C-alpha cells in the first residue's frame, strides 16, 4: 500500500469538520463549500487544484455520505413528507443526470462561472429564508386533519406541524427540475431550492421543509455523482479517492456538530452569515476566472 498517497490529504480532516458543521447548521449542501475549495482554494494551501469537473464530482460523492446520514436522522425524527419527496425527486433526478452529462462538454472556466452564479443565487435564497419559520401547532389527531388545510406531520417528539397545500404545484415542479439540473451541472442547488421554496412559497415549518428537502437531495446527488464519476473515469481523470478518504469522516463528524452550532447561534443570523459567505465566494470565483481568461 502506498501510504504517502493515502495520507496526502490528512489535513482535510480537521479542515473539513468545521466546514461541514457550518453547512449542516445552516441547512445547505456541503458541495457549495467543498467544490470551490477543491477547484480554487487548494493552491492557496500549497496543493494542486482539482479540475472543475473533478471538484464537482468529488464534492457530490462526499455529499452522498453526508446526506445519507442526515436523511437517517430526519427520518428518525419523523419530519419528512415522503409523498412530497418522492414526487420532487422523480422530477429532479432525470434533469440532474442529463446535466451531469452536459457538464463534461463545458470548459473549466465556463463551469467555474456557472458555479459562481449558482453560489450567488443560493446566497439570495438563504438570505430570504432566514427570517424564521412557522411554529408547531396542537391540532389533535393527524388522521382527522382536513386535507383541504394541507398536511399535518407529527414528529417523533410529539410536535405537530401544519404544512399548507401548494397553491402553484406547476411552479414547484418547474423550480425542482431546474434545481436538479443545476445540481447535476455544478453539484449544488437542489437542497437549498427545495427547502427554501417549501418554507417561503408554501409556508412549511423549517423542520419539515429541511427534512423533506434532504429526502429529495439524496437520490439527486447519488445520480449526479454516479454519472460524473463514470464520465471522469472515461476521460482519464478519475476521483481522488485519497481526498475522499479524509473528507468523508469529517462530513460525518461535522454533521453531528451542526446541530450544536445551531443551538449556539440563532438560525436567522447563521443563514445570513452563510449567505454573505456565498456572495463573497461567488465574487472571488468570478473575478479569478475572468482574470485567467483575460490572460497576462
Foldseek 3Di string as FASTA:
>chain_A
DPVCLLCVVQVVQVVQQQLLLLCLLLLFQSLLPQLCCQAPVQVVVVHDHDQSLQSQLLSLVLRLLLLVVVLVVLVLFQLEPVVVLVVLLVLLQVLLLVLLVVLVVDDRLVLLLLSLVLLLVLLVLLLVLQPFADDFDDDDDQVPDDCQQPHWTQTPVGTIWGFGDQPCVVVLSVLSNVQSNSCLNRNGRQLSSQLSCSCPVRRGGSSNSSSNSSSSVNSSSVSSSVSSQVVCVVVVRHHSVSNSVSNNVSSVNSNVSNVVVCVVDPSSVSSNVVSVVSNVSSVVSNVVSVDVVVPD
